[in-house]
Amino acid sequence: MEWKFNSEAPIYLQIMEQIKAQIATGVLKPGQKIAAVREIALEAGVNPNTVQKALSELEREGFLYSERTAGRFVSDNKEKAENVQSELCKQYMDAFTENMGKLGYSPKEAAKKYSEYVE
């Protein structure tokens, strides 16, 4: 996975969001083992403590679970994945609406432009 970070939020939160997005889109499937902390840290180019914090928070939120000595796995909680997908959808729609507003389009006009675009 290619990790992309920005300076707008703490890296551990960005790691969490990227993993949640992978769960929501089915890239990470229920029951799938995720990479070890050190492996993710090396791949992402961040401190292992940062990754540990992100994964611990994802566990606390119910997106991941640990099995002693076996590692961390993706939870089979479909409702959580659907909620994340809905949340991401809203964020993308908010960004689209805001950007189209900057161009002078009303929400209805922006929706019409989008409909034309996808046709």
PDB file of N, CA and C in Angstrom:
ATOM      1  N   MET A   1       0.835  -1.178   0.000  1.00  0.00           N
ATOM      2  CA  MET A   1       0.000   0.000   0.000  1.00  0.00           C
ATOM      3  C   MET A   1       0.880   1.242   0.000  1.00  0.00           C
ATOM      4  N   GLU A   2       0.457   2.237  -0.740  1.00  0.00           N
ATOM      5  CA  GLU A   2       1.173   3.501  -0.751  1.00  0.00           C
ATOM      6  C   GLU A   2       0.565   4.409   0.312  1.00  0.00           C
ATOM      7  N   TRP A   3       1.383   4.860   1.220  1.00  0.00           N
ATOM      8  CA  TRP A   3       0.932   5.711   2.310  1.00  0.00           C
ATOM      9  C   TRP A   3       1.168   7.163   1.930  1.00  0.00           C
ATOM     10  N   LYS A   4       0.139   7.979   2.080  1.00  0.00           N
ATOM     11  CA  LYS A   4       0.251   9.405   1.805  1.00  0.00           C
ATOM     12  C   LYS A   4      -0.180  10.164   3.053  1.00  0.00           C
ATOM     13  N   PHE A   5       0.682  11.062   3.493  1.00  0.00           N
ATOM     14  CA  PHE A   5       0.399  11.848   4.684  1.00  0.00           C
ATOM     15  C   PHE A   5       0.457  13.327   4.355  1.00  0.00           C
ATOM     16  N   ASN A   6      -0.309  14.107   5.113  1.00  0.00           N
ATOM     17  CA  ASN A   6      -0.254  15.560   4.981  1.00  0.00           C
ATOM     18  C   ASN A   6      -0.014  16.156   6.360  1.00  0.00           C
ATOM     19  N   SER A   7       0.192  17.450   6.400  1.00  0.00           N
ATOM     20  CA  SER A   7       0.506  18.108   7.666  1.00  0.00           C
ATOM     21  C   SER A   7      -0.738  18.615   8.396  1.00  0.00           C
ATOM     22  N   GLU A   8      -1.923  18.279   7.892  1.00  0.00           N
ATOM     23  CA  GLU A   8      -3.156  18.799   8.470  1.00  0.00           C
ATOM     24  C   GLU A   8      -3.648  18.027   9.690  1.00  0.00           C
ATOM     25  N   ALA A   9      -3.181  16.802   9.873  1.00  0.00           N
ATOM     26  CA  ALA A   9      -3.646  15.978  10.998  1.00  0.00           C
ATOM     27  C   ALA A   9      -2.496  15.101  11.479  1.00  0.00           C
ATOM     28  N   PRO A  10      -2.556  14.641  12.728  1.00  0.00           N
ATOM     29  CA  PRO A  10      -1.513  13.733  13.219  1.00  0.00           C
ATOM     30  C   PRO A  10      -1.420  12.471  12.349  1.00  0.00           C
ATOM     31  N   ILE A  11      -0.219  11.977  12.190  1.00  0.00           N
ATOM     32  CA  ILE A  11       0.004  10.824  11.309  1.00  0.00           C
ATOM     33  C   ILE A  11      -0.776   9.603  11.783  1.00  0.00           C
ATOM     34  N   TYR A  12      -0.855   9.378  13.098  1.00  0.00           N
ATOM     35  CA  TYR A  12      -1.564   8.186  13.557  1.00  0.00           C
ATOM     36  C   TYR A  12      -3.037   8.231  13.141  1.00  0.00           C
ATOM     37  N   LEU A  13      -3.637   9.438  13.133  1.00  0.00           N
ATOM     38  CA  LEU A  13      -5.033   9.559  12.688  1.00  0.00           C
ATOM     39  C   LEU A  13      -5.156   9.281  11.188  1.00  0.00           C
ATOM     40  N   GLN A  14      -4.172   9.711  10.442  1.00  0.00           N
ATOM     41  CA  GLN A  14      -4.182   9.465   9.005  1.00  0.00           C
ATOM     42  C   GLN A  14      -4.009   7.975   8.701  1.00  0.00           C
ATOM     43  N   ILE A  15      -3.179   7.300   9.475  1.00  0.00           N
ATOM     44  CA  ILE A  15      -3.026   5.851   9.327  1.00  0.00           C
ATOM     45  C   ILE A  15      -4.356   5.169   9.624  1.00  0.00           C
ATOM     46  N   MET A  16      -5.007   5.600  10.696  1.00  0.00           N
ATOM     47  CA  MET A  16      -6.309   5.036  11.050  1.00  0.00           C
ATOM     48  C   MET A  16      -7.304   5.218   9.912  1.00  0.00           C
ATOM     49  N   GLU A  17      -7.367   6.423   9.364  1.00  0.00           N
ATOM     50  CA  GLU A  17      -8.326   6.708   8.287  1.00  0.00           C
ATOM     51  C   GLU A  17      -8.048   5.868   7.059  1.00  0.00           C
ATOM     52  N   GLN A  18      -6.776   5.692   6.728  1.00  0.00           N
ATOM     53  CA  GLN A  18      -6.443   4.894   5.550  1.00  0.00           C
ATOM     54  C   GLN A  18      -6.806   3.420   5.758  1.00  0.00           C
ATOM     55  N   ILE A  19      -6.588   2.909   6.944  1.00  0.00           N
ATOM     56  CA  ILE A  19      -6.951   1.509   7.228  1.00  0.00           C
ATOM     57  C   ILE A  19      -8.470   1.366   7.242  1.00  0.00           C
ATOM     58  N   LYS A  20      -9.169   2.327   7.835  1.00  0.00           N
ATOM     59  CA  LYS A  20     -10.638   2.290   7.820  1.00  0.00           C
ATOM     60  C   LYS A  20     -11.160   2.300   6.388  1.00  0.00           C
ATOM     61  N   ALA A  21     -10.559   3.111   5.539  1.00  0.00           N
ATOM     62  CA  ALA A  21     -10.988   3.172   4.129  1.00  0.00           C
ATOM     63  C   ALA A  21     -10.755   1.830   3.444  1.00  0.00           C
ATOM     64  N   GLN A  22      -9.660   1.165   3.765  1.00  0.00           N
ATOM     65  CA  GLN A  22      -9.386  -0.152   3.185  1.00  0.00           C
ATOM     66  C   GLN A  22     -10.410  -1.179   3.655  1.00  0.00           C
ATOM     67  N   ILE A  23     -10.833  -1.066   4.896  1.00  0.00           N
ATOM     68  CA  ILE A  23     -11.860  -1.976   5.421  1.00  0.00           C
ATOM     69  C   ILE A  23     -13.199  -1.683   4.741  1.00  0.00           C
ATOM     70  N   ALA A  24     -13.543  -0.402   4.637  1.00  0.00           N
ATOM     71  CA  ALA A  24     -14.824  -0.003   4.048  1.00  0.00           C
ATOM     72  C   ALA A  24     -14.939  -0.407   2.586  1.00  0.00           C
ATOM     73  N   THR A  25     -13.829  -0.368   1.861  1.00  0.00           N
ATOM     74  CA  THR A  25     -13.864  -0.692   0.436  1.00  0.00           C
ATOM     75  C   THR A  25     -13.606  -2.164   0.145  1.00  0.00           C
ATOM     76  N   GLY A  26     -13.335  -2.946   1.190  1.00  0.00           N
ATOM     77  CA  GLY A  26     -13.129  -4.374   0.996  1.00  0.00           C
ATOM     78  C   GLY A  26     -11.715  -4.772   0.634  1.00  0.00           C
ATOM     79  N   VAL A  27     -10.790  -3.816   0.630  1.00  0.00           N
ATOM     80  CA  VAL A  27      -9.386  -4.152   0.378  1.00  0.00           C
ATOM     81  C   VAL A  27      -8.891  -5.045   1.515  1.00  0.00           C
ATOM     82  N   LEU A  28      -9.270  -4.671   2.742  1.00  0.00           N
ATOM     83  CA  LEU A  28      -9.006  -5.519   3.908  1.00  0.00           C
ATOM     84  C   LEU A  28     -10.317  -6.207   4.253  1.00  0.00           C
ATOM     85  N   LYS A  29     -10.306  -7.516   4.253  1.00  0.00           N
ATOM     86  CA  LYS A  29     -11.523  -8.296   4.456  1.00  0.00           C
ATOM     87  C   LYS A  29     -11.646  -8.786   5.893  1.00  0.00           C
ATOM     88  N   PRO A  30     -12.884  -9.024   6.351  1.00  0.00           N
ATOM     89  CA  PRO A  30     -13.079  -9.542   7.712  1.00  0.00           C
ATOM     90  C   PRO A  30     -12.258 -10.810   7.949  1.00  0.00           C
ATOM     91  N   GLY A  31     -11.589 -10.843   9.091  1.00  0.00           N
ATOM     92  CA  GLY A  31     -10.773 -11.990   9.446  1.00  0.00           C
ATOM     93  C   GLY A  31      -9.374 -11.962   8.870  1.00  0.00           C
ATOM     94  N   GLN A  32      -9.096 -11.022   7.975  1.00  0.00           N
ATOM     95  CA  GLN A  32      -7.774 -10.938   7.355  1.00  0.00           C
ATOM     96  C   GLN A  32      -6.756 -10.413   8.347  1.00  0.00           C
ATOM     97  N   LYS A  33      -5.591 -11.046   8.364  1.00  0.00           N
ATOM     98  CA  LYS A  33      -4.520 -10.599   9.241  1.00  0.00           C
ATOM     99  C   LYS A  33      -3.873  -9.375   8.614  1.00  0.00           C
ATOM    100  N   ILE A  34      -3.621  -8.366   9.443  1.00  0.00           N
ATOM    101  CA  ILE A  34      -2.940  -7.182   8.921  1.00  0.00           C
ATOM    102  C   ILE A  34      -1.450  -7.295   9.232  1.00  0.00           C
ATOM    103  N   ALA A  35      -0.673  -6.525   8.520  1.00  0.00           N
ATOM    104  CA  ALA A  35       0.773  -6.563   8.685  1.00  0.00           C
ATOM    105  C   ALA A  35       1.165  -6.165  10.107  1.00  0.00           C
ATOM    106  N   ALA A  36       2.351  -6.599  10.494  1.00  0.00           N
ATOM    107  CA  ALA A  36       2.878  -6.279  11.822  1.00  0.00           C
ATOM    108  C   ALA A  36       3.220  -4.796  11.912  1.00  0.00           C
ATOM    109  N   VAL A  37       3.261  -4.294  13.131  1.00  0.00           N
ATOM    110  CA  VAL A  37       3.545  -2.880  13.385  1.00  0.00           C
ATOM    111  C   VAL A  37       4.827  -2.449  12.693  1.00  0.00           C
ATOM    112  N   ARG A  38       5.893  -3.205  12.875  1.00  0.00           N
ATOM    113  CA  ARG A  38       7.191  -2.820  12.291  1.00  0.00           C
ATOM    114  C   ARG A  38       7.146  -2.823  10.767  1.00  0.00           C
ATOM    115  N   GLU A  39       6.426  -3.758  10.206  1.00  0.00           N
ATOM    116  CA  GLU A  39       6.303  -3.834   8.754  1.00  0.00           C
ATOM    117  C   GLU A  39       5.557  -2.614   8.201  1.00  0.00           C
ATOM    118  N   ILE A  40       4.451  -2.256   8.842  1.00  0.00           N
ATOM    119  CA  ILE A  40       3.688  -1.079   8.422  1.00  0.00           C
ATOM    120  C   ILE A  40       4.533   0.179   8.587  1.00  0.00           C
ATOM    121  N   ALA A  41       5.238   0.283   9.717  1.00  0.00           N
ATOM    122  CA  ALA A  41       6.064   1.456   9.982  1.00  0.00           C
ATOM    123  C   ALA A  41       7.146   1.612   8.921  1.00  0.00           C
ATOM    124  N   LEU A  42       7.770   0.528   8.558  1.00  0.00           N
ATOM    125  CA  LEU A  42       8.821   0.561   7.538  1.00  0.00           C
ATOM    126  C   LEU A  42       8.234   0.967   6.186  1.00  0.00           C
ATOM    127  N   GLU A  43       7.125   0.366   5.831  1.00  0.00           N
ATOM    128  CA  GLU A  43       6.457   0.663   4.557  1.00  0.00           C
ATOM    129  C   GLU A  43       5.993   2.111   4.488  1.00  0.00           C
ATOM    130  N   ALA A  44       5.446   2.625   5.602  1.00  0.00           N
ATOM    131  CA  ALA A  44       4.902   3.982   5.636  1.00  0.00           C
ATOM    132  C   ALA A  44       5.968   5.038   5.913  1.00  0.00           C
ATOM    133  N   GLY A  45       7.125   4.598   6.390  1.00  0.00           N
ATOM    134  CA  GLY A  45       8.193   5.540   6.708  1.00  0.00           C
ATOM    135  C   GLY A  45       7.921   6.348   7.960  1.00  0.00           C
ATOM    136  N   VAL A  46       7.296   5.691   8.950  1.00  0.00           N
ATOM    137  CA  VAL A  46       6.982   6.375  10.204  1.00  0.00           C
ATOM    138  C   VAL A  46       7.508   5.568  11.382  1.00  0.00           C
ATOM    139  N   ASN A  47       7.469   6.168  12.548  1.00  0.00           N
ATOM    140  CA  ASN A  47       7.917   5.524  13.772  1.00  0.00           C
ATOM    141  C   ASN A  47       6.959   4.381  14.141  1.00  0.00           C
ATOM    142  N   PRO A  48       7.493   3.225  14.555  1.00  0.00           N
ATOM    143  CA  PRO A  48       6.625   2.119  14.973  1.00  0.00           C
ATOM    144  C   PRO A  48       5.647   2.497  16.091  1.00  0.00           C
ATOM    145  N   ASN A  49       6.031   3.416  16.981  1.00  0.00           N
ATOM    146  CA  ASN A  49       5.128   3.844  18.048  1.00  0.00           C
ATOM    147  C   ASN A  49       3.884   4.525  17.482  1.00  0.00           C
ATOM    148  N   THR A  50       4.051   5.234  16.376  1.00  0.00           N
ATOM    149  CA  THR A  50       2.929   5.907  15.718  1.00  0.00           C
ATOM    150  C   THR A  50       1.954   4.873  15.175  1.00  0.00           C
ATOM    151  N   VAL A  51       2.493   3.844  14.547  1.00  0.00           N
ATOM    152  CA  VAL A  51       1.654   2.772  14.005  1.00  0.00           C
ATOM    153  C   VAL A  51       0.965   2.029  15.141  1.00  0.00           C
ATOM    154  N   GLN A  52       1.698   1.742  16.206  1.00  0.00           N
ATOM    155  CA  GLN A  52       1.128   1.047  17.361  1.00  0.00           C
ATOM    156  C   GLN A  52      -0.056   1.823  17.925  1.00  0.00           C
ATOM    157  N   LYS A  53       0.088   3.137  18.021  1.00  0.00           N
ATOM    158  CA  LYS A  53      -1.002   3.970  18.542  1.00  0.00           C
ATOM    159  C   LYS A  53      -2.219   3.886  17.629  1.00  0.00           C
ATOM    160  N   ALA A  54      -1.998   3.948  16.323  1.00  0.00           N
ATOM    161  CA  ALA A  54      -3.108   3.872  15.362  1.00  0.00           C
ATOM    162  C   ALA A  54      -3.821   2.529  15.460  1.00  0.00           C
ATOM    163  N   LEU A  55      -3.059   1.452  15.493  1.00  0.00           N
ATOM    164  CA  LEU A  55      -3.670   0.115  15.538  1.00  0.00           C
ATOM    165  C   LEU A  55      -4.387  -0.122  16.864  1.00  0.00           C
ATOM    166  N   SER A  56      -3.832   0.383  17.946  1.00  0.00           N
ATOM    167  CA  SER A  56      -4.491   0.244  19.252  1.00  0.00           C
ATOM    168  C   SER A  56      -5.828   0.978  19.260  1.00  0.00           C
ATOM    169  N   GLU A  57      -5.861   2.165  18.665  1.00  0.00           N
ATOM    170  CA  GLU A  57      -7.108   2.921  18.582  1.00  0.00           C
ATOM    171  C   GLU A  57      -8.125   2.196  17.691  1.00  0.00           C
ATOM    172  N   LEU A  58      -7.665   1.618  16.596  1.00  0.00           N
ATOM    173  CA  LEU A  58      -8.572   0.863  15.717  1.00  0.00           C
ATOM    174  C   LEU A  58      -9.141  -0.350  16.445  1.00  0.00           C
ATOM    175  N   GLU A  59      -8.328  -0.948  17.297  1.00  0.00           N
ATOM    176  CA  GLU A  59      -8.821  -2.061  18.127  1.00  0.00           C
ATOM    177  C   GLU A  59      -9.874  -1.561  19.107  1.00  0.00           C
ATOM    178  N   ARG A  60      -9.568  -0.456  19.753  1.00  0.00           N
ATOM    179  CA  ARG A  60     -10.491   0.122  20.734  1.00  0.00           C
ATOM    180  C   ARG A  60     -11.825   0.465  20.073  1.00  0.00           C
ATOM    181  N   GLU A  61     -11.782   0.932  18.834  1.00  0.00           N
ATOM    182  CA  GLU A  61     -12.999   1.299  18.106  1.00  0.00           C
ATOM    183  C   GLU A  61     -13.713   0.088  17.504  1.00  0.00           C
ATOM    184  N   GLY A  62     -13.083  -1.085  17.555  1.00  0.00           N
ATOM    185  CA  GLY A  62     -13.735  -2.291  17.076  1.00  0.00           C
ATOM    186  C   GLY A  62     -13.486  -2.644  15.615  1.00  0.00           C
ATOM    187  N   PHE A  63     -12.544  -1.973  14.963  1.00  0.00           N
ATOM    188  CA  PHE A  63     -12.234  -2.286  13.569  1.00  0.00           C
ATOM    189  C   PHE A  63     -11.259  -3.451  13.460  1.00  0.00           C
ATOM    190  N   LEU A  64     -10.429  -3.628  14.491  1.00  0.00           N
ATOM    191  CA  LEU A  64      -9.448  -4.706  14.526  1.00  0.00           C
ATOM    192  C   LEU A  64      -9.586  -5.456  15.843  1.00  0.00           C
ATOM    193  N   TYR A  65      -9.063  -6.660  15.866  1.00  0.00           N
ATOM    194  CA  TYR A  65      -8.964  -7.401  17.121  1.00  0.00           C
ATOM    195  C   TYR A  65      -7.642  -8.156  17.136  1.00  0.00           C
ATOM    196  N   SER A  66      -7.160  -8.442  18.326  1.00  0.00           N
ATOM    197  CA  SER A  66      -5.889  -9.145  18.484  1.00  0.00           C
ATOM    198  C   SER A  66      -6.125 -10.570  18.947  1.00  0.00           C
ATOM    199  N   GLU A  67      -5.281 -11.443  18.456  1.00  0.00           N
ATOM    200  CA  GLU A  67      -5.215 -12.809  18.984  1.00  0.00           C
ATOM    201  C   GLU A  67      -3.796 -12.979  19.504  1.00  0.00           C
ATOM    202  N   ARG A  68      -3.719 -13.311  20.740  1.00  0.00           N
ATOM    203  CA  ARG A  68      -2.417 -13.413  21.390  1.00  0.00           C
ATOM    204  C   ARG A  68      -1.461 -14.269  20.563  1.00  0.00           C
ATOM    205  N   THR A  69      -0.307 -13.765  20.313  1.00  0.00           N
ATOM    206  CA  THR A  69       0.791 -14.374  19.556  1.00  0.00           C
ATOM    207  C   THR A  69       0.493 -14.567  18.064  1.00  0.00           C
ATOM    208  N   ALA A  70      -0.717 -14.296  17.623  1.00  0.00           N
ATOM    209  CA  ALA A  70      -1.044 -14.490  16.208  1.00  0.00           C
ATOM    210  C   ALA A  70      -1.090 -13.178  15.434  1.00  0.00           C
ATOM    211  N   GLY A  71      -1.296 -12.062  16.123  1.00  0.00           N
ATOM    212  CA  GLY A  71      -1.330 -10.769  15.448  1.00  0.00           C
ATOM    213  C   GLY A  71      -2.684 -10.101  15.506  1.00  0.00           C
ATOM    214  N   ARG A  72      -2.842  -9.110  14.638  1.00  0.00           N
ATOM    215  CA  ARG A  72      -4.105  -8.350  14.563  1.00  0.00           C
ATOM    216  C   ARG A  72      -4.855  -8.727  13.305  1.00  0.00           C
ATOM    217  N   PHE A  73      -6.187  -8.718  13.445  1.00  0.00           N
ATOM    218  CA  PHE A  73      -7.060  -9.119  12.347  1.00  0.00           C
ATOM    219  C   PHE A  73      -8.181  -8.099  12.185  1.00  0.00           C
ATOM    220  N   VAL A  74      -8.753  -8.065  10.981  1.00  0.00           N
ATOM    221  CA  VAL A  74      -9.871  -7.180  10.687  1.00  0.00           C
ATOM    222  C   VAL A  74     -11.127  -7.777  11.309  1.00  0.00           C
ATOM    223  N   SER A  75     -11.865  -6.944  12.008  1.00  0.00           N
ATOM    224  CA  SER A  75     -13.116  -7.362  12.634  1.00  0.00           C
ATOM    225  C   SER A  75     -14.136  -7.723  11.560  1.00  0.00           C
ATOM    226  N   ASP A  76     -15.074  -8.585  11.907  1.00  0.00           N
ATOM    227  CA  ASP A  76     -16.127  -8.951  10.947  1.00  0.00           C
ATOM    228  C   ASP A  76     -17.394  -8.118  11.160  1.00  0.00           C
ATOM    229  N   ASN A  77     -17.238  -6.956  11.778  1.00  0.00           N
ATOM    230  CA  ASN A  77     -18.358  -6.065  12.050  1.00  0.00           C
ATOM    231  C   ASN A  77     -18.709  -5.277  10.785  1.00  0.00           C
ATOM    232  N   LYS A  78     -19.680  -5.781  10.016  1.00  0.00           N
ATOM    233  CA  LYS A  78     -20.074  -5.151   8.757  1.00  0.00           C
ATOM    234  C   LYS A  78     -20.656  -3.765   8.970  1.00  0.00           C
ATOM    235  N   GLU A  79     -21.355  -3.589  10.079  1.00  0.00           N
ATOM    236  CA  GLU A  79     -21.971  -2.292  10.370  1.00  0.00           C
ATOM    237  C   GLU A  79     -20.904  -1.201  10.473  1.00  0.00           C
ATOM    238  N   LYS A  80     -19.777  -1.505  11.123  1.00  0.00           N
ATOM    239  CA  LYS A  80     -18.686  -0.527  11.248  1.00  0.00           C
ATOM    240  C   LYS A  80     -18.154  -0.153   9.871  1.00  0.00           C
ATOM    241  N   ALA A  81     -17.946  -1.143   9.012  1.00  0.00           N
ATOM    242  CA  ALA A  81     -17.432  -0.888   7.661  1.00  0.00           C
ATOM    243  C   ALA A  81     -18.421  -0.038   6.868  1.00  0.00           C
ATOM    244  N   GLU A  82     -19.695  -0.345   6.985  1.00  0.00           N
ATOM    245  CA  GLU A  82     -20.716   0.430   6.271  1.00  0.00           C
ATOM    246  C   GLU A  82     -20.780   1.863   6.789  1.00  0.00           C
ATOM    247  N   ASN A  83     -20.626   2.036   8.100  1.00  0.00           N
ATOM    248  CA  ASN A  83     -20.632   3.380   8.675  1.00  0.00           C
ATOM    249  C   ASN A  83     -19.448   4.201   8.169  1.00  0.00           C
ATOM    250  N   VAL A  84     -18.285   3.556   8.085  1.00  0.00           N
ATOM    251  CA  VAL A  84     -17.105   4.261   7.580  1.00  0.00           C
ATOM    252  C   VAL A  84     -17.313   4.632   6.117  1.00  0.00           C
ATOM    253  N   GLN A  85     -17.874   3.714   5.356  1.00  0.00           N
ATOM    254  CA  GLN A  85     -18.122   3.995   3.939  1.00  0.00           C
ATOM    255  C   GLN A  85     -19.088   5.183   3.799  1.00  0.00           C
ATOM    256  N   SER A  86     -20.131   5.214   4.603  1.00  0.00           N
ATOM    257  CA  SER A  86     -21.080   6.330   4.564  1.00  0.00           C
ATOM    258  C   SER A  86     -20.418   7.638   4.985  1.00  0.00           C
ATOM    259  N   GLU A  87     -19.574   7.570   6.000  1.00  0.00           N
ATOM    260  CA  GLU A  87     -18.860   8.753   6.482  1.00  0.00           C
ATOM    261  C   GLU A  87     -17.919   9.298   5.402  1.00  0.00           C
ATOM    262  N   LEU A  88     -17.189   8.397   4.748  1.00  0.00           N
ATOM    263  CA  LEU A  88     -16.285   8.825   3.671  1.00  0.00           C
ATOM    264  C   LEU A  88     -17.067   9.414   2.502  1.00  0.00           C
ATOM    265  N   CYS A  89     -18.191   8.800   2.180  1.00  0.00           N
ATOM    266  CA  CYS A  89     -19.039   9.302   1.106  1.00  0.00           C
ATOM    267  C   CYS A  89     -19.472  10.730   1.415  1.00  0.00           C
ATOM    268  N   LYS A  90     -19.892  10.978   2.638  1.00  0.00           N
ATOM    269  CA  LYS A  90     -20.324  12.323   3.027  1.00  0.00           C
ATOM    270  C   LYS A  90     -19.166  13.306   2.926  1.00  0.00           C
ATOM    271  N   GLN A  91     -17.975  12.902   3.370  1.00  0.00           N
ATOM    272  CA  GLN A  91     -16.811  13.782   3.286  1.00  0.00           C
ATOM    273  C   GLN A  91     -16.508  14.150   1.835  1.00  0.00           C
ATOM    274  N   TYR A  92     -16.572  13.161   0.947  1.00  0.00           N
ATOM    275  CA  TYR A  92     -16.289  13.419  -0.470  1.00  0.00           C
ATOM    276  C   TYR A  92     -17.356  14.322  -1.081  1.00  0.00           C
ATOM    277  N   MET A  93     -18.605  14.092  -0.710  1.00  0.00           N
ATOM    278  CA  MET A  93     -19.679  14.940  -1.237  1.00  0.00           C
ATOM    279  C   MET A  93     -19.561  16.364  -0.701  1.00  0.00           C
ATOM    280  N   ASP A  94     -19.203  16.497   0.571  1.00  0.00           N
ATOM    281  CA  ASP A  94     -19.000  17.830   1.139  1.00  0.00           C
ATOM    282  C   ASP A  94     -17.886  18.565   0.395  1.00  0.00           C
ATOM    283  N   ALA A  95     -16.788  17.866   0.134  1.00  0.00           N
ATOM    284  CA  ALA A  95     -15.661  18.479  -0.575  1.00  0.00           C
ATOM    285  C   ALA A  95     -16.065  18.875  -1.995  1.00  0.00           C
ATOM    286  N   PHE A  96     -16.791  17.986  -2.672  1.00  0.00           N
ATOM    287  CA  PHE A  96     -17.267  18.285  -4.031  1.00  0.00           C
ATOM    288  C   PHE A  96     -18.159  19.525  -4.021  1.00  0.00           C
ATOM    289  N   THR A  97     -19.120  19.549  -3.107  1.00  0.00           N
ATOM    290  CA  THR A  97     -20.054  20.669  -3.022  1.00  0.00           C
ATOM    291  C   THR A  97     -19.311  21.969  -2.711  1.00  0.00           C
ATOM    292  N   GLU A  98     -18.371  21.905  -1.789  1.00  0.00           N
ATOM    293  CA  GLU A  98     -17.596  23.088  -1.430  1.00  0.00           C
ATOM    294  C   GLU A  98     -16.772  23.586  -2.622  1.00  0.00           C
ATOM    295  N   ASN A  99     -16.113  22.673  -3.319  1.00  0.00           N
ATOM    296  CA  ASN A  99     -15.298  23.066  -4.467  1.00  0.00           C
ATOM    297  C   ASN A  99     -16.144  23.622  -5.600  1.00  0.00           C
ATOM    298  N   MET A 100     -17.287  23.017  -5.845  1.00  0.00           N
ATOM    299  CA  MET A 100     -18.167  23.525  -6.893  1.00  0.00           C
ATOM    300  C   MET A 100     -18.718  24.897  -6.494  1.00  0.00           C
ATOM    301  N   GLY A 101     -18.974  25.094  -5.207  1.00  0.00           N
ATOM    302  CA  GLY A 101     -19.415  26.399  -4.721  1.00  0.00           C
ATOM    303  C   GLY A 101     -18.369  27.472  -4.978  1.00  0.00           C
ATOM    304  N   LYS A 102     -17.092  27.101  -4.833  1.00  0.00           N
ATOM    305  CA  LYS A 102     -16.007  28.042  -5.114  1.00  0.00           C
ATOM    306  C   LYS A 102     -15.998  28.451  -6.581  1.00  0.00           C
ATOM    307  N   LEU A 103     -16.514  27.567  -7.433  1.00  0.00           N
ATOM    308  CA  LEU A 103     -16.611  27.877  -8.862  1.00  0.00           C
ATOM    309  C   LEU A 103     -17.887  28.629  -9.205  1.00  0.00           C
ATOM    310  N   GLY A 104     -18.748  28.837  -8.207  1.00  0.00           N
ATOM    311  CA  GLY A 104     -19.964  29.604  -8.415  1.00  0.00           C
ATOM    312  C   GLY A 104     -21.212  28.779  -8.663  1.00  0.00           C
ATOM    313  N   TYR A 105     -21.128  27.467  -8.499  1.00  0.00           N
ATOM    314  CA  TYR A 105     -22.284  26.599  -8.714  1.00  0.00           C
ATOM    315  C   TYR A 105     -23.065  26.402  -7.421  1.00  0.00           C
ATOM    316  N   SER A 106     -24.390  26.412  -7.532  1.00  0.00           N
ATOM    317  CA  SER A 106     -25.243  26.070  -6.397  1.00  0.00           C
ATOM    318  C   SER A 106     -25.201  24.553  -6.240  1.00  0.00           C
ATOM    319  N   PRO A 107     -25.650  24.020  -5.102  1.00  0.00           N
ATOM    320  CA  PRO A 107     -25.672  22.562  -4.956  1.00  0.00           C
ATOM    321  C   PRO A 107     -26.468  21.861  -6.064  1.00  0.00           C
ATOM    322  N   LYS A 108     -27.598  22.436  -6.463  1.00  0.00           N
ATOM    323  CA  LYS A 108     -28.394  21.821  -7.536  1.00  0.00           C
ATOM    324  C   LYS A 108     -27.642  21.853  -8.863  1.00  0.00           C
ATOM    325  N   GLU A 109     -26.992  22.976  -9.143  1.00  0.00           N
ATOM    326  CA  GLU A 109     -26.214  23.080 -10.376  1.00  0.00           C
ATOM    327  C   GLU A 109     -25.040  22.104 -10.362  1.00  0.00           C
ATOM    328  N   ALA A 110     -24.410  21.958  -9.204  1.00  0.00           N
ATOM    329  CA  ALA A 110     -23.291  21.021  -9.071  1.00  0.00           C
ATOM    330  C   ALA A 110     -23.766  19.593  -9.300  1.00  0.00           C
ATOM    331  N   ALA A 111     -24.934  19.256  -8.762  1.00  0.00           N
ATOM    332  CA  ALA A 111     -25.494  17.906  -8.953  1.00  0.00           C
ATOM    333  C   ALA A 111     -25.782  17.662 -10.435  1.00  0.00           C
ATOM    334  N   LYS A 112     -26.291  18.667 -11.101  1.00  0.00           N
ATOM    335  CA  LYS A 112     -26.583  18.546 -12.531  1.00  0.00           C
ATOM    336  C   LYS A 112     -25.291  18.333 -13.316  1.00  0.00           C
ATOM    337  N   LYS A 113     -24.250  19.091 -12.994  1.00  0.00           N
ATOM    338  CA  LYS A 113     -22.958  18.953 -13.655  1.00  0.00           C
ATOM    339  C   LYS A 113     -22.394  17.537 -13.431  1.00  0.00           C
ATOM    340  N   TYR A 114     -22.566  17.043 -12.208  1.00  0.00           N
ATOM    341  CA  TYR A 114     -22.069  15.700 -11.909  1.00  0.00           C
ATOM    342  C   TYR A 114     -22.843  14.661 -12.712  1.00  0.00           C
ATOM    343  N   SER A 115     -24.159  14.809 -12.794  1.00  0.00           N
ATOM    344  CA  SER A 115     -24.976  13.885 -13.577  1.00  0.00           C
ATOM    345  C   SER A 115     -24.548  13.884 -15.038  1.00  0.00           C
ATOM    346  N   GLU A 116     -24.283  15.062 -15.570  1.00  0.00           N
ATOM    347  CA  GLU A 116     -23.813  15.157 -16.949  1.00  0.00           C
ATOM    348  C   GLU A 116     -22.463  14.479 -17.116  1.00  0.00           C
ATOM    349  N   TYR A 117     -21.626  14.648 -16.132  1.00  0.00           N
ATOM    350  CA  TYR A 117     -20.265  14.080 -16.158  1.00  0.00           C
ATOM    351  C   TYR A 117     -20.302  12.546 -16.213  1.00  0.00           C
ATOM    352  N   VAL A 118     -21.147  11.944 -15.397  1.00  0.00           N
ATOM    353  CA  VAL A 118     -21.166  10.472 -15.335  1.00  0.00           C
ATOM    354  C   VAL A 118     -21.922   9.833 -16.492  1.00  0.00           C
ATOM    355  N   GLU A 119     -22.697  10.617 -17.222  1.00  0.00           N
ATOM    356  CA  GLU A 119     -23.447  10.061 -18.372  1.00  0.00           C
ATOM    357  C   GLU A 119     -22.603   9.930 -19.559  1.00  0.00           C
TER     358      GLU A 119
END
